[in-house]
Amino acid sequence: MEEKGFDYINVIPFVDIMLVLLTIVLTTSTFIATGIAVQLPKASQNSEETLKVRTIEIDRKGTIYFTGAPVTISALRETLKALDRNSPFLIRANRDLQLQAFVDVLDTVKNSGFQKVSLQTERK
């Protein structure tokens, strides 16, 4: 008995698998892009820079995040020593946060010699 060879390859299962993988990638990238949940204070003008900025986020409990990883104020101070002083910073602080926690972070960044520091707000 002689076996007959394939005349064509069925690509439908391959396309199904690729669509499932694409769905998984798009779903997980949405979660990664959102970042830390912070309720921003309101301002009349929304100023967003297109430069690559380093982000410091402070949540409602006062936990400080530098580029997404939680840090203490002393660890933040040590991390900032190794960075270029011309790097722009964006501080995202929860509007219900105690003012002193925000001032401590801003003071740390300014005392480290950084001049390009912005506070992110929401438009009213």
PDB file of N, CA and C in Angstrom:
ATOM      1  N   MET A   1       0.824  -1.190   0.000  1.00  0.00           N
ATOM      2  CA  MET A   1       0.000   0.000   0.000  1.00  0.00           C
ATOM      3  C   MET A   1       0.861   1.243   0.000  1.00  0.00           C
ATOM      4  N   GLU A   2       0.517   2.109  -0.847  1.00  0.00           N
ATOM      5  CA  GLU A   2       1.267   3.344  -0.978  1.00  0.00           C
ATOM      6  C   GLU A   2       0.473   4.489  -0.357  1.00  0.00           C
ATOM      7  N   GLU A   3       1.169   5.302   0.513  1.00  0.00           N
ATOM      8  CA  GLU A   3       0.487   6.422   1.163  1.00  0.00           C
ATOM      9  C   GLU A   3       0.537   7.652   0.277  1.00  0.00           C
ATOM     10  N   LYS A   4      -0.555   8.385   0.302  1.00  0.00           N
ATOM     11  CA  LYS A   4      -0.646   9.589  -0.512  1.00  0.00           C
ATOM     12  C   LYS A   4      -0.085  10.768   0.290  1.00  0.00           C
ATOM     13  N   GLY A   5       0.718  11.599  -0.320  1.00  0.00           N
ATOM     14  CA  GLY A   5       1.296  12.772   0.339  1.00  0.00           C
ATOM     15  C   GLY A   5       0.287  13.892   0.478  1.00  0.00           C
ATOM     16  N   PHE A   6       0.640  14.903   1.269  1.00  0.00           N
ATOM     17  CA  PHE A   6      -0.232  16.060   1.469  1.00  0.00           C
ATOM     18  C   PHE A   6      -0.151  16.996   0.267  1.00  0.00           C
ATOM     19  N   ASP A   7      -1.320  17.432  -0.193  1.00  0.00           N
ATOM     20  CA  ASP A   7      -1.347  18.398  -1.275  1.00  0.00           C
ATOM     21  C   ASP A   7      -1.246  19.831  -0.761  1.00  0.00           C
ATOM     22  N   TYR A   8      -1.716  20.044   0.476  1.00  0.00           N
ATOM     23  CA  TYR A   8      -1.679  21.386   1.065  1.00  0.00           C
ATOM     24  C   TYR A   8      -1.612  21.243   2.582  1.00  0.00           C
ATOM     25  N   ILE A   9      -1.276  22.334   3.268  1.00  0.00           N
ATOM     26  CA  ILE A   9      -1.214  22.347   4.730  1.00  0.00           C
ATOM     27  C   ILE A   9      -2.390  23.160   5.245  1.00  0.00           C
ATOM     28  N   ASN A  10      -3.099  22.625   6.199  1.00  0.00           N
ATOM     29  CA  ASN A  10      -4.230  23.317   6.802  1.00  0.00           C
ATOM     30  C   ASN A  10      -3.694  24.334   7.819  1.00  0.00           C
ATOM     31  N   VAL A  11      -3.877  25.642   7.562  1.00  0.00           N
ATOM     32  CA  VAL A  11      -3.334  26.690   8.429  1.00  0.00           C
ATOM     33  C   VAL A  11      -4.359  27.240   9.420  1.00  0.00           C
ATOM     34  N   ILE A  12      -5.574  26.757   9.370  1.00  0.00           N
ATOM     35  CA  ILE A  12      -6.616  27.272  10.272  1.00  0.00           C
ATOM     36  C   ILE A  12      -6.258  27.047  11.741  1.00  0.00           C
ATOM     37  N   PRO A  13      -5.775  25.887  12.174  1.00  0.00           N
ATOM     38  CA  PRO A  13      -5.388  25.739  13.587  1.00  0.00           C
ATOM     39  C   PRO A  13      -4.256  26.699  13.987  1.00  0.00           C
ATOM     40  N   PHE A  14      -3.321  26.927  13.081  1.00  0.00           N
ATOM     41  CA  PHE A  14      -2.233  27.859  13.348  1.00  0.00           C
ATOM     42  C   PHE A  14      -2.762  29.283  13.549  1.00  0.00           C
ATOM     43  N   VAL A  15      -3.693  29.704  12.721  1.00  0.00           N
ATOM     44  CA  VAL A  15      -4.299  31.027  12.841  1.00  0.00           C
ATOM     45  C   VAL A  15      -5.072  31.144  14.152  1.00  0.00           C
ATOM     46  N   ASP A  16      -5.777  30.105  14.556  1.00  0.00           N
ATOM     47  CA  ASP A  16      -6.503  30.106  15.828  1.00  0.00           C
ATOM     48  C   ASP A  16      -5.561  30.298  17.007  1.00  0.00           C
ATOM     49  N   ILE A  17      -4.468  29.595  17.006  1.00  0.00           N
ATOM     50  CA  ILE A  17      -3.487  29.710  18.092  1.00  0.00           C
ATOM     51  C   ILE A  17      -2.898  31.113  18.124  1.00  0.00           C
ATOM     52  N   MET A  18      -2.571  31.672  16.976  1.00  0.00           N
ATOM     53  CA  MET A  18      -1.990  33.012  16.919  1.00  0.00           C
ATOM     54  C   MET A  18      -2.980  34.069  17.413  1.00  0.00           C
ATOM     55  N   LEU A  19      -4.261  33.902  17.110  1.00  0.00           N
ATOM     56  CA  LEU A  19      -5.265  34.851  17.591  1.00  0.00           C
ATOM     57  C   LEU A  19      -5.418  34.779  19.107  1.00  0.00           C
ATOM     58  N   VAL A  20      -5.347  33.585  19.661  1.00  0.00           N
ATOM     59  CA  VAL A  20      -5.406  33.441  21.122  1.00  0.00           C
ATOM     60  C   VAL A  20      -4.191  34.100  21.765  1.00  0.00           C
ATOM     61  N   LEU A  21      -3.013  33.884  21.215  1.00  0.00           N
ATOM     62  CA  LEU A  21      -1.804  34.517  21.745  1.00  0.00           C
ATOM     63  C   LEU A  21      -1.870  36.041  21.636  1.00  0.00           C
ATOM     64  N   LEU A  22      -2.384  36.536  20.538  1.00  0.00           N
ATOM     65  CA  LEU A  22      -2.539  37.976  20.365  1.00  0.00           C
ATOM     66  C   LEU A  22      -3.487  38.554  21.410  1.00  0.00           C
ATOM     67  N   THR A  23      -4.576  37.858  21.681  1.00  0.00           N
ATOM     68  CA  THR A  23      -5.531  38.299  22.706  1.00  0.00           C
ATOM     69  C   THR A  23      -4.871  38.344  24.072  1.00  0.00           C
ATOM     70  N   ILE A  24      -4.087  37.346  24.408  1.00  0.00           N
ATOM     71  CA  ILE A  24      -3.397  37.322  25.703  1.00  0.00           C
ATOM     72  C   ILE A  24      -2.404  38.473  25.820  1.00  0.00           C
ATOM     73  N   VAL A  25      -1.644  38.721  24.776  1.00  0.00           N
ATOM     74  CA  VAL A  25      -0.661  39.813  24.807  1.00  0.00           C
ATOM     75  C   VAL A  25      -1.356  41.158  24.958  1.00  0.00           C
ATOM     76  N   LEU A  26      -2.404  41.400  24.217  1.00  0.00           N
ATOM     77  CA  LEU A  26      -3.107  42.677  24.308  1.00  0.00           C
ATOM     78  C   LEU A  26      -3.760  42.872  25.665  1.00  0.00           C
ATOM     79  N   THR A  27      -4.300  41.821  26.245  1.00  0.00           N
ATOM     80  CA  THR A  27      -4.930  41.921  27.553  1.00  0.00           C
ATOM     81  C   THR A  27      -3.904  42.221  28.637  1.00  0.00           C
ATOM     82  N   THR A  28      -2.782  41.529  28.637  1.00  0.00           N
ATOM     83  CA  THR A  28      -1.772  41.762  29.672  1.00  0.00           C
ATOM     84  C   THR A  28      -1.077  43.099  29.485  1.00  0.00           C
ATOM     85  N   SER A  29      -0.901  43.561  28.262  1.00  0.00           N
ATOM     86  CA  SER A  29      -0.256  44.857  28.056  1.00  0.00           C
ATOM     87  C   SER A  29      -1.132  45.994  28.565  1.00  0.00           C
ATOM     88  N   THR A  30      -2.438  45.825  28.570  1.00  0.00           N
ATOM     89  CA  THR A  30      -3.336  46.833  29.123  1.00  0.00           C
ATOM     90  C   THR A  30      -3.119  46.965  30.618  1.00  0.00           C
ATOM     91  N   PHE A  31      -2.939  45.850  31.313  1.00  0.00           N
ATOM     92  CA  PHE A  31      -2.704  45.894  32.751  1.00  0.00           C
ATOM     93  C   PHE A  31      -1.347  46.502  33.074  1.00  0.00           C
ATOM     94  N   ILE A  32      -0.354  46.218  32.270  1.00  0.00           N
ATOM     95  CA  ILE A  32       0.987  46.742  32.525  1.00  0.00           C
ATOM     96  C   ILE A  32       1.024  48.246  32.291  1.00  0.00           C
ATOM     97  N   ALA A  33       0.325  48.743  31.288  1.00  0.00           N
ATOM     98  CA  ALA A  33       0.381  50.158  30.930  1.00  0.00           C
ATOM     99  C   ALA A  33      -0.323  51.055  31.932  1.00  0.00           C
ATOM    100  N   THR A  34      -1.247  50.535  32.721  1.00  0.00           N
ATOM    101  CA  THR A  34      -1.997  51.389  33.630  1.00  0.00           C
ATOM    102  C   THR A  34      -1.172  51.848  34.808  1.00  0.00           C
ATOM    103  N   GLY A  35      -0.223  51.069  35.299  1.00  0.00           N
ATOM    104  CA  GLY A  35       0.638  51.491  36.390  1.00  0.00           C
ATOM    105  C   GLY A  35      -0.054  51.435  37.739  1.00  0.00           C
ATOM    106  N   ILE A  36       0.402  52.256  38.656  1.00  0.00           N
ATOM    107  CA  ILE A  36      -0.121  52.313  40.013  1.00  0.00           C
ATOM    108  C   ILE A  36      -1.406  53.135  40.014  1.00  0.00           C
ATOM    109  N   ALA A  37      -2.406  52.673  40.759  1.00  0.00           N
ATOM    110  CA  ALA A  37      -3.688  53.381  40.822  1.00  0.00           C
ATOM    111  C   ALA A  37      -3.543  54.613  41.724  1.00  0.00           C
ATOM    112  N   VAL A  38      -3.572  55.785  41.124  1.00  0.00           N
ATOM    113  CA  VAL A  38      -3.435  57.043  41.843  1.00  0.00           C
ATOM    114  C   VAL A  38      -4.545  57.964  41.383  1.00  0.00           C
ATOM    115  N   GLN A  39      -5.283  58.566  42.339  1.00  0.00           N
ATOM    116  CA  GLN A  39      -6.286  59.570  41.992  1.00  0.00           C
ATOM    117  C   GLN A  39      -5.580  60.925  41.958  1.00  0.00           C
ATOM    118  N   LEU A  40      -5.484  61.509  40.777  1.00  0.00           N
ATOM    119  CA  LEU A  40      -4.733  62.743  40.600  1.00  0.00           C
ATOM    120  C   LEU A  40      -5.560  63.960  41.016  1.00  0.00           C
ATOM    121  N   PRO A  41      -4.902  65.010  41.531  1.00  0.00           N
ATOM    122  CA  PRO A  41      -5.617  66.243  41.830  1.00  0.00           C
ATOM    123  C   PRO A  41      -6.011  66.961  40.538  1.00  0.00           C
ATOM    124  N   LYS A  42      -6.957  67.875  40.624  1.00  0.00           N
ATOM    125  CA  LYS A  42      -7.464  68.591  39.448  1.00  0.00           C
ATOM    126  C   LYS A  42      -6.695  69.895  39.237  1.00  0.00           C
ATOM    127  N   ALA A  43      -6.525  70.274  37.975  1.00  0.00           N
ATOM    128  CA  ALA A  43      -5.919  71.546  37.603  1.00  0.00           C
ATOM    129  C   ALA A  43      -6.604  72.040  36.336  1.00  0.00           C
ATOM    130  N   SER A  44      -6.511  73.348  36.079  1.00  0.00           N
ATOM    131  CA  SER A  44      -7.197  73.910  34.919  1.00  0.00           C
ATOM    132  C   SER A  44      -6.492  73.589  33.609  1.00  0.00           C
ATOM    133  N   GLN A  45      -5.203  73.278  33.665  1.00  0.00           N
ATOM    134  CA  GLN A  45      -4.462  73.004  32.451  1.00  0.00           C
ATOM    135  C   GLN A  45      -3.705  71.703  32.617  1.00  0.00           C
ATOM    136  N   ASN A  46      -3.696  70.893  31.588  1.00  0.00           N
ATOM    137  CA  ASN A  46      -3.009  69.612  31.622  1.00  0.00           C
ATOM    138  C   ASN A  46      -1.709  69.750  30.840  1.00  0.00           C
ATOM    139  N   SER A  47      -0.568  69.666  31.528  1.00  0.00           N
ATOM    140  CA  SER A  47       0.715  69.829  30.855  1.00  0.00           C
ATOM    141  C   SER A  47       1.442  68.496  30.829  1.00  0.00           C
ATOM    142  N   GLU A  48       1.543  67.907  29.638  1.00  0.00           N
ATOM    143  CA  GLU A  48       2.251  66.650  29.469  1.00  0.00           C
ATOM    144  C   GLU A  48       3.431  66.883  28.544  1.00  0.00           C
ATOM    145  N   GLU A  49       4.596  66.446  28.989  1.00  0.00           N
ATOM    146  CA  GLU A  49       5.779  66.573  28.167  1.00  0.00           C
ATOM    147  C   GLU A  49       5.969  65.290  27.371  1.00  0.00           C
ATOM    148  N   THR A  50       6.554  65.419  26.204  1.00  0.00           N
ATOM    149  CA  THR A  50       6.792  64.249  25.368  1.00  0.00           C
ATOM    150  C   THR A  50       8.173  63.667  25.618  1.00  0.00           C
ATOM    151  N   LEU A  51       8.939  64.219  26.568  1.00  0.00           N
ATOM    152  CA  LEU A  51      10.258  63.700  26.883  1.00  0.00           C
ATOM    153  C   LEU A  51      10.150  62.400  27.669  1.00  0.00           C
ATOM    154  N   LYS A  52      11.215  61.628  27.661  1.00  0.00           N
ATOM    155  CA  LYS A  52      11.281  60.417  28.482  1.00  0.00           C
ATOM    156  C   LYS A  52      11.553  60.847  29.907  1.00  0.00           C
ATOM    157  N   VAL A  53      10.557  60.754  30.734  1.00  0.00           N
ATOM    158  CA  VAL A  53      10.685  61.207  32.116  1.00  0.00           C
ATOM    159  C   VAL A  53      10.712  60.014  33.059  1.00  0.00           C
ATOM    160  N   ARG A  54      11.344  60.209  34.175  1.00  0.00           N
ATOM    161  CA  ARG A  54      11.338  59.207  35.246  1.00  0.00           C
ATOM    162  C   ARG A  54      10.157  59.522  36.142  1.00  0.00           C
ATOM    163  N   THR A  55       9.455  58.491  36.581  1.00  0.00           N
ATOM    164  CA  THR A  55       8.211  58.688  37.324  1.00  0.00           C
ATOM    165  C   THR A  55       8.371  58.269  38.780  1.00  0.00           C
ATOM    166  N   ILE A  56       7.908  59.139  39.668  1.00  0.00           N
ATOM    167  CA  ILE A  56       7.803  58.826  41.088  1.00  0.00           C
ATOM    168  C   ILE A  56       6.327  58.924  41.424  1.00  0.00           C
ATOM    169  N   GLU A  57       5.767  57.847  41.982  1.00  0.00           N
ATOM    170  CA  GLU A  57       4.345  57.818  42.308  1.00  0.00           C
ATOM    171  C   GLU A  57       4.174  57.624  43.807  1.00  0.00           C
ATOM    172  N   ILE A  58       3.170  58.295  44.372  1.00  0.00           N
ATOM    173  CA  ILE A  58       2.867  58.161  45.792  1.00  0.00           C
ATOM    174  C   ILE A  58       1.386  57.806  45.894  1.00  0.00           C
ATOM    175  N   ASP A  59       1.096  56.635  46.476  1.00  0.00           N
ATOM    176  CA  ASP A  59      -0.304  56.234  46.571  1.00  0.00           C
ATOM    177  C   ASP A  59      -0.956  56.848  47.821  1.00  0.00           C
ATOM    178  N   ARG A  60      -2.190  56.509  48.032  1.00  0.00           N
ATOM    179  CA  ARG A  60      -2.980  57.108  49.112  1.00  0.00           C
ATOM    180  C   ARG A  60      -2.397  56.826  50.494  1.00  0.00           C
ATOM    181  N   LYS A  61      -1.772  55.664  50.655  1.00  0.00           N
ATOM    182  CA  LYS A  61      -1.194  55.288  51.944  1.00  0.00           C
ATOM    183  C   LYS A  61       0.166  55.933  52.183  1.00  0.00           C
ATOM    184  N   GLY A  62       0.724  56.587  51.173  1.00  0.00           N
ATOM    185  CA  GLY A  62       2.029  57.227  51.320  1.00  0.00           C
ATOM    186  C   GLY A  62       3.185  56.372  50.844  1.00  0.00           C
ATOM    187  N   THR A  63       2.890  55.236  50.213  1.00  0.00           N
ATOM    188  CA  THR A  63       3.942  54.372  49.679  1.00  0.00           C
ATOM    189  C   THR A  63       4.529  55.028  48.432  1.00  0.00           C
ATOM    190  N   ILE A  64       5.847  55.086  48.367  1.00  0.00           N
ATOM    191  CA  ILE A  64       6.546  55.741  47.262  1.00  0.00           C
ATOM    192  C   ILE A  64       6.983  54.670  46.264  1.00  0.00           C
ATOM    193  N   TYR A  65       6.729  54.917  44.975  1.00  0.00           N
ATOM    194  CA  TYR A  65       7.129  54.004  43.903  1.00  0.00           C
ATOM    195  C   TYR A  65       8.037  54.765  42.947  1.00  0.00           C
ATOM    196  N   PHE A  66       9.218  54.218  42.685  1.00  0.00           N
ATOM    197  CA  PHE A  66      10.118  54.800  41.689  1.00  0.00           C
ATOM    198  C   PHE A  66      10.162  53.851  40.510  1.00  0.00           C
ATOM    199  N   THR A  67       9.707  54.304  39.367  1.00  0.00           N
ATOM    200  CA  THR A  67       9.563  53.521  38.135  1.00  0.00           C
ATOM    201  C   THR A  67       8.829  52.210  38.388  1.00  0.00           C
ATOM    202  N   GLY A  68       7.779  52.270  39.215  1.00  0.00           N
ATOM    203  CA  GLY A  68       6.916  51.127  39.446  1.00  0.00           C
ATOM    204  C   GLY A  68       7.289  50.240  40.618  1.00  0.00           C
ATOM    205  N   ALA A  69       8.477  50.418  41.203  1.00  0.00           N
ATOM    206  CA  ALA A  69       8.906  49.578  42.321  1.00  0.00           C
ATOM    207  C   ALA A  69       8.831  50.367  43.630  1.00  0.00           C
ATOM    208  N   PRO A  70       8.275  49.781  44.683  1.00  0.00           N
ATOM    209  CA  PRO A  70       8.187  50.507  45.947  1.00  0.00           C
ATOM    210  C   PRO A  70       9.570  50.748  46.560  1.00  0.00           C
ATOM    211  N   VAL A  71       9.789  51.972  47.058  1.00  0.00           N
ATOM    212  CA  VAL A  71      11.056  52.350  47.690  1.00  0.00           C
ATOM    213  C   VAL A  71      10.768  53.189  48.932  1.00  0.00           C
ATOM    214  N   THR A  72      11.753  53.269  49.803  1.00  0.00           N
ATOM    215  CA  THR A  72      11.679  54.187  50.933  1.00  0.00           C
ATOM    216  C   THR A  72      12.304  55.505  50.517  1.00  0.00           C
ATOM    217  N   ILE A  73      12.143  56.532  51.362  1.00  0.00           N
ATOM    218  CA  ILE A  73      12.694  57.842  51.022  1.00  0.00           C
ATOM    219  C   ILE A  73      14.223  57.797  50.990  1.00  0.00           C
ATOM    220  N   SER A  74      14.828  57.010  51.886  1.00  0.00           N
ATOM    221  CA  SER A  74      16.295  56.907  51.891  1.00  0.00           C
ATOM    222  C   SER A  74      16.797  56.123  50.675  1.00  0.00           C
ATOM    223  N   ALA A  75      16.073  55.074  50.274  1.00  0.00           N
ATOM    224  CA  ALA A  75      16.457  54.318  49.075  1.00  0.00           C
ATOM    225  C   ALA A  75      16.283  55.182  47.825  1.00  0.00           C
ATOM    226  N   LEU A  76      15.259  56.022  47.810  1.00  0.00           N
ATOM    227  CA  LEU A  76      15.063  56.940  46.687  1.00  0.00           C
ATOM    228  C   LEU A  76      16.228  57.919  46.601  1.00  0.00           C
ATOM    229  N   ARG A  77      16.647  58.426  47.738  1.00  0.00           N
ATOM    230  CA  ARG A  77      17.773  59.366  47.783  1.00  0.00           C
ATOM    231  C   ARG A  77      19.028  58.711  47.218  1.00  0.00           C
ATOM    232  N   GLU A  78      19.282  57.456  47.570  1.00  0.00           N
ATOM    233  CA  GLU A  78      20.464  56.746  47.072  1.00  0.00           C
ATOM    234  C   GLU A  78      20.356  56.455  45.578  1.00  0.00           C
ATOM    235  N   THR A  79      19.159  56.127  45.113  1.00  0.00           N
ATOM    236  CA  THR A  79      18.950  55.851  43.692  1.00  0.00           C
ATOM    237  C   THR A  79      19.166  57.100  42.854  1.00  0.00           C
ATOM    238  N   LEU A  80      18.722  58.246  43.368  1.00  0.00           N
ATOM    239  CA  LEU A  80      18.841  59.486  42.612  1.00  0.00           C
ATOM    240  C   LEU A  80      20.284  59.942  42.459  1.00  0.00           C
ATOM    241  N   LYS A  81      21.159  59.529  43.366  1.00  0.00           N
ATOM    242  CA  LYS A  81      22.569  59.933  43.280  1.00  0.00           C
ATOM    243  C   LYS A  81      23.230  59.436  41.997  1.00  0.00           C
ATOM    244  N   ALA A  82      22.785  58.291  41.493  1.00  0.00           N
ATOM    245  CA  ALA A  82      23.420  57.682  40.319  1.00  0.00           C
ATOM    246  C   ALA A  82      22.868  58.208  38.996  1.00  0.00           C
ATOM    247  N   LEU A  83      21.822  59.041  39.023  1.00  0.00           N
ATOM    248  CA  LEU A  83      21.174  59.484  37.788  1.00  0.00           C
ATOM    249  C   LEU A  83      21.723  60.809  37.291  1.00  0.00           C
ATOM    250  N   ASP A  84      21.533  61.058  35.993  1.00  0.00           N
ATOM    251  CA  ASP A  84      21.919  62.317  35.367  1.00  0.00           C
ATOM    252  C   ASP A  84      21.058  63.450  35.920  1.00  0.00           C
ATOM    253  N   ARG A  85      21.663  64.557  36.275  1.00  0.00           N
ATOM    254  CA  ARG A  85      20.940  65.683  36.882  1.00  0.00           C
ATOM    255  C   ARG A  85      20.021  66.411  35.895  1.00  0.00           C
ATOM    256  N   ASN A  86      20.157  66.149  34.605  1.00  0.00           N
ATOM    257  CA  ASN A  86      19.289  66.772  33.604  1.00  0.00           C
ATOM    258  C   ASN A  86      18.047  65.934  33.315  1.00  0.00           C
ATOM    259  N   SER A  87      17.898  64.817  33.994  1.00  0.00           N
ATOM    260  CA  SER A  87      16.736  63.953  33.770  1.00  0.00           C
ATOM    261  C   SER A  87      15.469  64.632  34.289  1.00  0.00           C
ATOM    262  N   PRO A  88      14.402  64.661  33.475  1.00  0.00           N
ATOM    263  CA  PRO A  88      13.141  65.213  33.979  1.00  0.00           C
ATOM    264  C   PRO A  88      12.399  64.183  34.834  1.00  0.00           C
ATOM    265  N   PHE A  89      11.714  64.676  35.860  1.00  0.00           N
ATOM    266  CA  PHE A  89      10.947  63.825  36.763  1.00  0.00           C
ATOM    267  C   PHE A  89       9.483  64.220  36.737  1.00  0.00           C
ATOM    268  N   LEU A  90       8.621  63.220  36.850  1.00  0.00           N
ATOM    269  CA  LEU A  90       7.188  63.426  36.958  1.00  0.00           C
ATOM    270  C   LEU A  90       6.743  62.804  38.265  1.00  0.00           C
ATOM    271  N   ILE A  91       6.125  63.611  39.133  1.00  0.00           N
ATOM    272  CA  ILE A  91       5.622  63.107  40.406  1.00  0.00           C
ATOM    273  C   ILE A  91       4.115  62.976  40.286  1.00  0.00           C
ATOM    274  N   ARG A  92       3.629  61.762  40.534  1.00  0.00           N
ATOM    275  CA  ARG A  92       2.190  61.473  40.532  1.00  0.00           C
ATOM    276  C   ARG A  92       1.806  61.157  41.963  1.00  0.00           C
ATOM    277  N   ALA A  93       1.068  62.054  42.601  1.00  0.00           N
ATOM    278  CA  ALA A  93       0.683  61.857  43.998  1.00  0.00           C
ATOM    279  C   ALA A  93      -0.837  61.820  44.106  1.00  0.00           C
ATOM    280  N   ASN A  94      -1.331  60.930  44.946  1.00  0.00           N
ATOM    281  CA  ASN A  94      -2.761  60.824  45.179  1.00  0.00           C
ATOM    282  C   ASN A  94      -3.261  62.108  45.830  1.00  0.00           C
ATOM    283  N   ARG A  95      -4.439  62.572  45.445  1.00  0.00           N
ATOM    284  CA  ARG A  95      -4.949  63.839  45.971  1.00  0.00           C
ATOM    285  C   ARG A  95      -5.335  63.753  47.438  1.00  0.00           C
ATOM    286  N   ASP A  96      -5.582  62.543  47.958  1.00  0.00           N
ATOM    287  CA  ASP A  96      -5.923  62.363  49.363  1.00  0.00           C
ATOM    288  C   ASP A  96      -4.701  62.139  50.246  1.00  0.00           C
ATOM    289  N   LEU A  97      -3.526  62.269  49.688  1.00  0.00           N
ATOM    290  CA  LEU A  97      -2.285  62.044  50.397  1.00  0.00           C
ATOM    291  C   LEU A  97      -1.999  63.199  51.354  1.00  0.00           C
ATOM    292  N   GLN A  98      -1.382  62.892  52.506  1.00  0.00           N
ATOM    293  CA  GLN A  98      -0.954  63.958  53.405  1.00  0.00           C
ATOM    294  C   GLN A  98       0.133  64.764  52.718  1.00  0.00           C
ATOM    295  N   LEU A  99       0.084  66.052  52.880  1.00  0.00           N
ATOM    296  CA  LEU A  99       0.995  66.952  52.181  1.00  0.00           C
ATOM    297  C   LEU A  99       2.459  66.673  52.529  1.00  0.00           C
ATOM    298  N   GLN A 100       2.727  66.281  53.759  1.00  0.00           N
ATOM    299  CA  GLN A 100       4.111  66.076  54.184  1.00  0.00           C
ATOM    300  C   GLN A 100       4.805  64.971  53.387  1.00  0.00           C
ATOM    301  N   ALA A 101       4.102  63.905  53.048  1.00  0.00           N
ATOM    302  CA  ALA A 101       4.700  62.820  52.262  1.00  0.00           C
ATOM    303  C   ALA A 101       5.108  63.323  50.878  1.00  0.00           C
ATOM    304  N   PHE A 102       4.258  64.151  50.279  1.00  0.00           N
ATOM    305  CA  PHE A 102       4.593  64.736  48.973  1.00  0.00           C
ATOM    306  C   PHE A 102       5.782  65.683  49.089  1.00  0.00           C
ATOM    307  N   VAL A 103       5.787  66.513  50.110  1.00  0.00           N
ATOM    308  CA  VAL A 103       6.879  67.481  50.299  1.00  0.00           C
ATOM    309  C   VAL A 103       8.199  66.753  50.538  1.00  0.00           C
ATOM    310  N   ASP A 104       8.178  65.648  51.276  1.00  0.00           N
ATOM    311  CA  ASP A 104       9.400  64.871  51.504  1.00  0.00           C
ATOM    312  C   ASP A 104       9.986  64.355  50.197  1.00  0.00           C
ATOM    313  N   VAL A 105       9.135  63.843  49.308  1.00  0.00           N
ATOM    314  CA  VAL A 105       9.611  63.329  48.018  1.00  0.00           C
ATOM    315  C   VAL A 105      10.130  64.478  47.154  1.00  0.00           C
ATOM    316  N   LEU A 106       9.371  65.564  47.078  1.00  0.00           N
ATOM    317  CA  LEU A 106       9.798  66.714  46.278  1.00  0.00           C
ATOM    318  C   LEU A 106      11.109  67.292  46.808  1.00  0.00           C
ATOM    319  N   ASP A 107      11.235  67.379  48.114  1.00  0.00           N
ATOM    320  CA  ASP A 107      12.450  67.884  48.738  1.00  0.00           C
ATOM    321  C   ASP A 107      13.640  66.989  48.427  1.00  0.00           C
ATOM    322  N   THR A 108      13.436  65.685  48.448  1.00  0.00           N
ATOM    323  CA  THR A 108      14.506  64.733  48.131  1.00  0.00           C
ATOM    324  C   THR A 108      14.978  64.906  46.693  1.00  0.00           C
ATOM    325  N   VAL A 109      14.038  65.042  45.776  1.00  0.00           N
ATOM    326  CA  VAL A 109      14.401  65.209  44.359  1.00  0.00           C
ATOM    327  C   VAL A 109      15.122  66.537  44.144  1.00  0.00           C
ATOM    328  N   LYS A 110      14.603  67.610  44.715  1.00  0.00           N
ATOM    329  CA  LYS A 110      15.222  68.934  44.539  1.00  0.00           C
ATOM    330  C   LYS A 110      16.605  68.997  45.193  1.00  0.00           C
ATOM    331  N   ASN A 111      16.755  68.427  46.395  1.00  0.00           N
ATOM    332  CA  ASN A 111      18.050  68.444  47.084  1.00  0.00           C
ATOM    333  C   ASN A 111      19.081  67.564  46.393  1.00  0.00           C
ATOM    334  N   SER A 112      18.637  66.646  45.552  1.00  0.00           N
ATOM    335  CA  SER A 112      19.562  65.812  44.788  1.00  0.00           C
ATOM    336  C   SER A 112      20.089  66.543  43.555  1.00  0.00           C
ATOM    337  N   GLY A 113      19.589  67.742  43.299  1.00  0.00           N
ATOM    338  CA  GLY A 113      20.105  68.552  42.203  1.00  0.00           C
ATOM    339  C   GLY A 113      19.295  68.512  40.925  1.00  0.00           C
ATOM    340  N   PHE A 114      18.128  67.928  40.933  1.00  0.00           N
ATOM    341  CA  PHE A 114      17.289  67.858  39.739  1.00  0.00           C
ATOM    342  C   PHE A 114      16.432  69.120  39.644  1.00  0.00           C
ATOM    343  N   GLN A 115      16.387  69.718  38.469  1.00  0.00           N
ATOM    344  CA  GLN A 115      15.652  70.964  38.263  1.00  0.00           C
ATOM    345  C   GLN A 115      14.364  70.769  37.471  1.00  0.00           C
ATOM    346  N   LYS A 116      14.288  69.725  36.679  1.00  0.00           N
ATOM    347  CA  LYS A 116      13.114  69.478  35.824  1.00  0.00           C
ATOM    348  C   LYS A 116      12.165  68.518  36.534  1.00  0.00           C
ATOM    349  N   VAL A 117      11.314  69.075  37.396  1.00  0.00           N
ATOM    350  CA  VAL A 117      10.386  68.270  38.187  1.00  0.00           C
ATOM    351  C   VAL A 117       8.976  68.780  37.922  1.00  0.00           C
ATOM    352  N   SER A 118       8.055  67.872  37.587  1.00  0.00           N
ATOM    353  CA  SER A 118       6.669  68.226  37.300  1.00  0.00           C
ATOM    354  C   SER A 118       5.737  67.415  38.175  1.00  0.00           C
ATOM    355  N   LEU A 119       4.551  67.953  38.397  1.00  0.00           N
ATOM    356  CA  LEU A 119       3.498  67.266  39.131  1.00  0.00           C
ATOM    357  C   LEU A 119       2.378  66.983  38.150  1.00  0.00           C
ATOM    358  N   GLN A 120       1.955  65.717  38.041  1.00  0.00           N
ATOM    359  CA  GLN A 120       0.878  65.362  37.119  1.00  0.00           C
ATOM    360  C   GLN A 120      -0.464  65.617  37.780  1.00  0.00           C
ATOM    361  N   THR A 121      -1.366  66.248  37.035  1.00  0.00           N
ATOM    362  CA  THR A 121      -2.719  66.539  37.516  1.00  0.00           C
ATOM    363  C   THR A 121      -3.722  66.108  36.459  1.00  0.00           C
ATOM    364  N   GLU A 122      -5.002  66.113  36.828  1.00  0.00           N
ATOM    365  CA  GLU A 122      -6.076  65.868  35.873  1.00  0.00           C
ATOM    366  C   GLU A 122      -6.737  67.189  35.527  1.00  0.00           C
ATOM    367  N   ARG A 123      -7.280  67.273  34.326  1.00  0.00           N
ATOM    368  CA  ARG A 123      -7.999  68.467  33.903  1.00  0.00           C
ATOM    369  C   ARG A 123      -9.362  68.521  34.571  1.00  0.00           C
ATOM    370  N   LYS A 124      -9.795  69.705  34.991  1.00  0.00           N
ATOM    371  CA  LYS A 124     -11.105  69.865  35.635  1.00  0.00           C
ATOM    372  C   LYS A 124     -12.229  69.674  34.657  1.00  0.00           C
TER     373      LYS A 124
END
